[in-house]
Amino acid sequence: MTVRSALHPFGARAVRRTIVVTTALVTAAALGTAAPLTARAAAPAPQSQVYSWVSDGWGGGTVTSQPAGINCHQTVADPWNGVGQENPTGTCAASFPVGTTVTFTATPDPGSYLNAGPDPVSLTVQPGYNAVWAMFCPNDDLCSAG
């Protein structure tokens, strides 16, 4: 003799199956209405300033960077004829992502030589102050420092 559940005409097993199927359908419906996951954009790398300082050696030349950003030129001075060292022209400061390796090259103008500085030189950008410097001197050995 088979005993049937009073709650369901097909018995207790059918009740359990109904509950499992209903639970699965409710869960699937809830998942279907949930907002899809979206990828978040990566935060940009923090930037830091890099400065090219061209010293007053009275000579002329240009400091450039790779990757591009610095292109700083110093014109030659002639202190004996009243022509002092002018401020450098071009881009002497630029922002680079922290951790970037920047390579600097110093190229003297005709009539000048590189007394000190990048030939080339690299630096890894750190948070805070980052600098490279160069001193160009005239070929006639008239240099403000040595």
Protein backbone atom coordinates (compact mmCIF):
# COMPACT_ATOMS: atom_id res chain seq x y z
CA MET A 1 0.00 0.00 0.00
CA THR A 2 1.34 3.40 -0.94
CA VAL A 3 0.89 6.37 1.35
CA ARG A 4 0.49 9.68 -0.39
CA SER A 5 1.23 13.04 1.08
CA ALA A 6 -1.74 15.08 2.04
CA LEU A 7 0.05 18.14 0.67
CA HIS A 8 0.60 16.90 -2.86
CA PRO A 9 -1.42 14.40 -4.88
CA PHE A 10 1.73 12.61 -6.15
CA GLY A 11 3.46 12.10 -2.78
CA ALA A 12 6.39 13.49 -0.75
CA ARG A 13 9.00 12.96 -3.47
CA ALA A 14 7.03 15.06 -5.89
CA VAL A 15 6.83 17.81 -3.27
CA ARG A 16 10.61 17.80 -2.88
CA ARG A 17 11.09 17.88 -6.65
CA THR A 18 8.68 20.77 -6.93
CA ILE A 19 10.54 22.69 -4.23
CA VAL A 20 13.94 22.03 -5.85
CA VAL A 21 12.71 23.05 -9.30
CA THR A 22 10.99 26.15 -7.92
CA THR A 23 14.12 27.16 -6.00
CA ALA A 24 16.26 26.70 -9.12
CA LEU A 25 13.87 28.81 -11.21
CA VAL A 26 13.77 31.60 -8.60
CA THR A 27 17.58 31.61 -8.35
CA ALA A 28 17.97 31.71 -12.14
CA ALA A 29 15.52 34.58 -12.36
CA ALA A 30 17.38 36.49 -9.65
CA LEU A 31 20.70 35.97 -11.41
CA GLY A 32 19.21 37.08 -14.71
CA THR A 33 18.13 40.40 -13.23
CA ALA A 34 21.42 41.07 -11.44
CA ALA A 35 23.59 43.75 -13.02
CA PRO A 36 26.30 42.26 -15.20
CA LEU A 37 29.87 42.54 -13.96
CA THR A 38 31.83 45.19 -15.80
CA ALA A 39 35.57 45.59 -16.01
CA ARG A 40 36.92 48.64 -14.24
CA ALA A 41 39.40 50.78 -16.06
CA ALA A 42 42.85 50.60 -14.56
CA ALA A 43 43.84 53.73 -12.71
CA PRO A 44 46.42 55.72 -14.66
CA ALA A 45 49.96 55.48 -13.38
CA PRO A 46 50.89 58.41 -11.16
CA GLN A 47 52.90 61.07 -12.96
CA SER A 48 55.99 62.87 -11.74
CA GLN A 49 57.91 65.85 -13.10
CA VAL A 50 61.35 65.45 -14.64
CA TYR A 51 63.54 68.54 -15.00
CA SER A 52 66.51 69.17 -17.25
CA TRP A 53 68.82 71.72 -15.71
CA VAL A 54 71.42 73.20 -18.03
CA SER A 55 74.24 74.78 -16.05
CA ASP A 56 75.88 78.08 -16.86
CA GLY A 57 79.07 76.75 -18.41
CA TRP A 58 78.85 79.51 -21.07
CA GLY A 59 78.62 76.93 -23.87
CA GLY A 60 75.55 75.91 -25.84
CA GLY A 61 73.74 72.66 -26.44
CA THR A 62 70.54 70.66 -26.17
CA VAL A 63 69.32 67.97 -23.77
CA THR A 64 66.67 65.61 -25.16
CA SER A 65 64.80 62.66 -23.66
CA GLN A 66 63.55 59.30 -24.84
CA PRO A 67 60.59 58.86 -24.50
CA ALA A 68 60.06 62.33 -25.92
CA GLY A 69 59.16 65.15 -23.57
CA ILE A 70 62.39 67.04 -22.83
CA ASN A 71 64.03 69.17 -25.54
CA CYS A 72 65.91 71.87 -23.64
CA HIS A 73 68.38 74.17 -25.41
CA GLN A 74 70.97 76.51 -23.89
CA THR A 75 72.53 79.17 -26.13
CA VAL A 76 76.21 79.99 -25.89
CA ALA A 77 77.26 82.99 -23.82
CA ASP A 78 80.07 85.43 -24.44
CA PRO A 79 80.79 87.08 -21.09
CA TRP A 80 83.84 88.94 -22.49
CA ASN A 81 81.59 90.83 -24.90
CA GLY A 82 78.73 91.40 -22.47
CA VAL A 83 76.53 88.51 -23.66
CA GLY A 84 75.47 86.64 -20.54
CA GLN A 85 73.97 83.19 -20.26
CA GLU A 86 70.28 83.37 -21.18
CA ASN A 87 67.61 81.13 -19.74
CA PRO A 88 67.26 77.81 -21.56
CA THR A 89 64.55 77.56 -24.22
CA GLY A 90 62.31 74.70 -25.27
CA THR A 91 60.77 72.12 -22.97
CA CYS A 92 62.98 71.70 -19.91
CA ALA A 93 60.40 69.91 -17.72
CA ALA A 94 57.89 67.17 -18.53
CA SER A 95 55.64 64.67 -16.76
CA PHE A 96 56.34 60.96 -17.06
CA PRO A 97 54.64 57.98 -15.38
CA VAL A 98 56.39 56.89 -12.18
CA GLY A 99 58.55 53.85 -12.94
CA THR A 100 59.34 54.92 -16.52
CA THR A 101 62.98 54.81 -17.54
CA VAL A 102 63.88 58.04 -19.32
CA THR A 103 67.14 58.28 -21.28
CA PHE A 104 68.73 61.70 -21.76
CA THR A 105 71.21 62.72 -24.42
CA ALA A 106 73.21 65.96 -24.44
CA THR A 107 74.32 67.36 -27.78
CA PRO A 108 76.68 70.36 -27.78
CA ASP A 109 76.23 73.15 -30.32
CA PRO A 110 79.06 73.75 -32.82
CA GLY A 111 81.88 75.48 -30.94
CA SER A 112 80.91 73.92 -27.59
CA TYR A 113 81.58 70.65 -25.79
CA LEU A 114 79.81 68.71 -23.05
CA ASN A 115 81.71 69.28 -19.80
CA ALA A 116 79.39 67.22 -17.59
CA GLY A 117 76.01 65.59 -17.83
CA PRO A 118 74.10 63.05 -19.92
CA ASP A 119 76.15 61.21 -22.53
CA PRO A 120 73.56 59.45 -22.51
CA VAL A 121 72.26 58.77 -19.02
CA SER A 122 69.05 57.10 -17.83
CA LEU A 123 66.91 57.63 -14.78
CA THR A 124 63.89 55.77 -13.48
CA VAL A 125 61.16 58.27 -12.62
CA GLN A 126 60.37 58.34 -8.90
CA PRO A 127 57.62 60.21 -7.06
CA GLY A 128 58.83 63.71 -6.28
CA TYR A 129 61.78 65.58 -7.77
CA ASN A 130 63.62 64.03 -10.72
CA ALA A 131 66.37 65.92 -12.49
CA VAL A 132 69.22 65.61 -14.91
CA TRP A 133 71.75 68.34 -15.59
CA ALA A 134 74.27 69.22 -18.23
CA MET A 135 77.09 71.73 -18.55
CA PHE A 136 78.17 72.87 -21.98
CA CYS A 137 81.44 74.81 -22.35
CA PRO A 138 82.91 76.71 -25.32
CA ASN A 139 85.71 74.96 -27.17
CA ASP A 140 88.13 77.77 -26.26
CA ASP A 141 88.16 76.33 -22.69
CA LEU A 142 86.45 79.39 -21.25
CA CYS A 143 84.18 77.52 -18.85
CA SER A 144 82.55 78.87 -15.71
CA ALA A 145 83.15 75.59 -13.88
CA GLY A 146 85.10 72.47 -14.49
